[in-house]
C-alpha atoms as a PDB file:
ATOM      1  CA  HIS A   1       0.000   0.000   0.000  1.00  0.00           C
ATOM      2  CA  VAL A   2       1.682   3.172  -1.189  1.00  0.00           C
ATOM      3  CA  GLY A   3      -0.662   5.717   0.356  1.00  0.00           C
ATOM      4  CA  ASP A   4      -4.034   7.272  -0.026  1.00  0.00           C
ATOM      5  CA  PHE A   5      -2.787  10.009  -2.431  1.00  0.00           C
ATOM      6  CA  GLY A   6      -4.928  12.536  -0.565  1.00  0.00           C
ATOM      7  CA  ILE A   7      -8.188  10.924  -1.675  1.00  0.00           C
ATOM      8  CA  GLY A   8     -10.135  12.708   1.084  1.00  0.00           C
ATOM      9  CA  GLU A   9      -8.914  16.100  -0.109  1.00  0.00           C
ATOM     10  CA  ILE A  10      -9.654  15.188  -3.729  1.00  0.00           C
ATOM     11  CA  LYS A  11     -13.218  14.180  -2.809  1.00  0.00           C
ATOM     12  CA  LYS A  12     -13.747  17.402  -0.857  1.00  0.00           C
ATOM     13  CA  SER A  13     -12.402  19.496  -3.735  1.00  0.00           C
ATOM     14  CA  THR A  14     -14.551  17.611  -6.257  1.00  0.00           C
ATOM     15  CA  ALA A  15     -17.679  18.174  -4.155  1.00  0.00           C
ATOM     16  CA  LYS A  16     -16.970  21.912  -3.956  1.00  0.00           C
ATOM     17  CA  ILE A  17     -16.406  22.143  -7.716  1.00  0.00           C
ATOM     18  CA  LEU A  18     -19.614  20.215  -8.436  1.00  0.00           C
ATOM     19  CA  ALA A  19     -21.616  22.431  -6.076  1.00  0.00           C
ATOM     20  CA  ALA A  20     -20.260  25.611  -7.679  1.00  0.00           C
ATOM     21  CA  SER A  21     -20.917  24.144 -11.140  1.00  0.00           C
ATOM     22  CA  ALA A  22     -24.513  23.298 -10.246  1.00  0.00           C
ATOM     23  CA  VAL A  23     -25.122  26.869  -9.090  1.00  0.00           C
ATOM     24  CA  ALA A  24     -23.496  28.175 -12.292  1.00  0.00           C
ATOM     25  CA  ALA A  25     -25.728  25.930 -14.415  1.00  0.00           C
ATOM     26  CA  ILE A  26     -28.840  27.202 -12.646  1.00  0.00           C
ATOM     27  CA  ALA A  27     -27.642  30.796 -13.090  1.00  0.00           C
ATOM     28  CA  ALA A  28     -27.022  30.209 -16.816  1.00  0.00           C
ATOM     29  CA  TYR A  29     -30.455  28.693 -17.286  1.00  0.00           C
ATOM     30  CA  ALA A  30     -32.102  31.559 -15.405  1.00  0.00           C
ATOM     31  CA  GLY A  31     -30.011  34.037 -17.381  1.00  0.00           C
ATOM     32  CA  LEU A  32     -31.356  32.650 -20.644  1.00  0.00           C
ATOM     33  CA  PHE A  33     -34.906  33.452 -19.538  1.00  0.00           C
ATOM     34  CA  VAL A  34     -34.044  36.876 -18.140  1.00  0.00           C
ATOM     35  CA  PHE A  35     -32.062  37.991 -21.194  1.00  0.00           C
ATOM     36  CA  SER A  36     -34.642  36.653 -23.649  1.00  0.00           C
ATOM     37  CA  ALA A  37     -36.808  39.617 -22.618  1.00  0.00           C
ATOM     38  CA  PHE A  38     -34.072  42.058 -23.675  1.00  0.00           C
ATOM     39  CA  PHE A  39     -32.866  40.505 -26.948  1.00  0.00           C
ATOM     40  CA  ASN A  40     -34.643  39.439 -30.113  1.00  0.00           C
ATOM     41  CA  THR A  41     -34.072  35.695 -30.071  1.00  0.00           C
ATOM     42  CA  GLY A  42     -35.431  35.343 -33.598  1.00  0.00           C
ATOM     43  CA  ASN A  43     -32.070  36.138 -35.152  1.00  0.00           C
ATOM     44  CA  PHE A  44     -28.430  35.208 -34.709  1.00  0.00           C
ATOM     45  CA  TYR A  45     -27.314  38.403 -32.984  1.00  0.00           C
ATOM     46  CA  GLY A  46     -30.045  38.233 -30.361  1.00  0.00           C
ATOM     47  CA  LEU A  47     -29.284  34.610 -29.553  1.00  0.00           C
ATOM     48  CA  PHE A  48     -25.557  35.349 -29.509  1.00  0.00           C
ATOM     49  CA  ALA A  49     -25.987  38.265 -27.091  1.00  0.00           C
ATOM     50  CA  GLN A  50     -28.318  36.203 -24.899  1.00  0.00           C
ATOM     51  CA  THR A  51     -25.760  33.403 -24.767  1.00  0.00           C
ATOM     52  CA  ILE A  52     -22.842  35.728 -24.007  1.00  0.00           C
ATOM     53  CA  PHE A  53     -24.623  37.516 -21.168  1.00  0.00           C
ATOM     54  CA  SER A  54     -26.002  34.371 -19.562  1.00  0.00           C
ATOM     55  CA  GLY A  55     -22.533  32.832 -19.829  1.00  0.00           C
ATOM     56  CA  LEU A  56     -21.066  35.835 -18.034  1.00  0.00           C
ATOM     57  CA  VAL A  57     -23.683  35.500 -15.295  1.00  0.00           C
ATOM     58  CA  ALA A  58     -22.878  31.788 -14.965  1.00  0.00           C
ATOM     59  CA  GLY A  59     -19.139  32.470 -14.790  1.00  0.00           C
ATOM     60  CA  ALA A  60     -19.642  35.096 -12.102  1.00  0.00           C
ATOM     61  CA  ALA A  61     -21.906  32.737 -10.137  1.00  0.00           C
ATOM     62  CA  TYR A  62     -19.249  30.008 -10.321  1.00  0.00           C
ATOM     63  CA  LEU A  63     -16.481  32.309  -9.101  1.00  0.00           C
ATOM     64  CA  VAL A  64     -18.613  33.648  -6.239  1.00  0.00           C
ATOM     65  CA  MET A  65     -19.610  30.147  -5.116  1.00  0.00           C
ATOM     66  CA  ALA A  66     -16.046  28.845  -5.429  1.00  0.00           C
ATOM     67  CA  PHE A  67     -14.842  31.792  -3.344  1.00  0.00           C
ATOM     68  CA  PHE A  68     -17.409  31.191  -0.589  1.00  0.00           C
ATOM     69  CA  LEU A  69     -16.718  27.447  -0.622  1.00  0.00           C
ATOM     70  CA  ARG A  70     -12.999  28.267  -0.374  1.00  0.00           C
ATOM     71  CA  CYS A  71     -12.010  26.180  -3.372  1.00  0.00           C
ATOM     72  CA  GLY A  72      -8.251  25.761  -3.391  1.00  0.00           C
ATOM     73  CA  GLU A  73      -8.225  25.913  -7.180  1.00  0.00           C
ATOM     74  CA  LEU A  74      -8.844  29.662  -6.980  1.00  0.00           C
ATOM     75  CA  SER A  75      -5.309  30.053  -5.659  1.00  0.00           C
ATOM     76  CA  ILE A  76      -4.151  30.499  -9.261  1.00  0.00           C
ATOM     77  CA  PHE A  77      -5.667  33.971  -8.884  1.00  0.00           C
ATOM     78  CA  ASN A  78      -3.401  35.285  -6.131  1.00  0.00           C
ATOM     79  CA  PHE A  79      -5.696  38.232  -5.456  1.00  0.00           C
ATOM     80  CA  ILE A  80      -8.695  35.945  -4.730  1.00  0.00           C
ATOM     81  CA  ALA A  81      -7.226  33.256  -2.512  1.00  0.00           C
ATOM     82  CA  LYS A  82      -3.777  32.653  -1.134  1.00  0.00           C
ATOM     83  CA  PRO A  83      -2.411  29.130  -1.613  1.00  0.00           C
ATOM     84  CA  GLU A  84      -1.729  27.158   1.521  1.00  0.00           C
ATOM     85  CA  PRO A  85       1.946  26.373   2.063  1.00  0.00           C
ATOM     86  CA  ILE A  86       3.230  22.827   1.932  1.00  0.00           C
ATOM     87  CA  PRO A  87       3.915  21.690   5.511  1.00  0.00           C
ATOM     88  CA  GLY A  88       7.483  22.517   6.420  1.00  0.00           C
ATOM     89  CA  GLU A  89       7.908  25.102   3.646  1.00  0.00           C
ATOM     90  CA  SER A  90       7.014  28.737   3.234  1.00  0.00           C
ATOM     91  CA  LEU A  91       5.206  30.072   0.169  1.00  0.00           C
ATOM     92  CA  ASP A  92       8.456  31.774  -0.868  1.00  0.00           C
ATOM     93  CA  ASP A  93      10.149  28.364  -1.118  1.00  0.00           C
ATOM     94  CA  GLN A  94       7.443  27.065  -3.453  1.00  0.00           C
ATOM     95  CA  TYR A  95       7.496  29.813  -6.091  1.00  0.00           C
END
């Protein structure tokens, strides 16, 4: 037996990502209905604008949920979340 490879942490991270994704999907679906009132969905440009704006709403919803769930993957954006140091090392040693 080599080790558990951090399976518990992987499961926790996966659950957070799935929860944030579910909220983003609901926001995108709601955004389609909201923006259909503002754009003519009978032509390409109206559908394109509706899709772009509901996609932006979904992306924002995902980032907000990931922030509140403290997803470690947001550490790639240093201004949103600071990465946790590896035990025994400082963040300066890692980068």
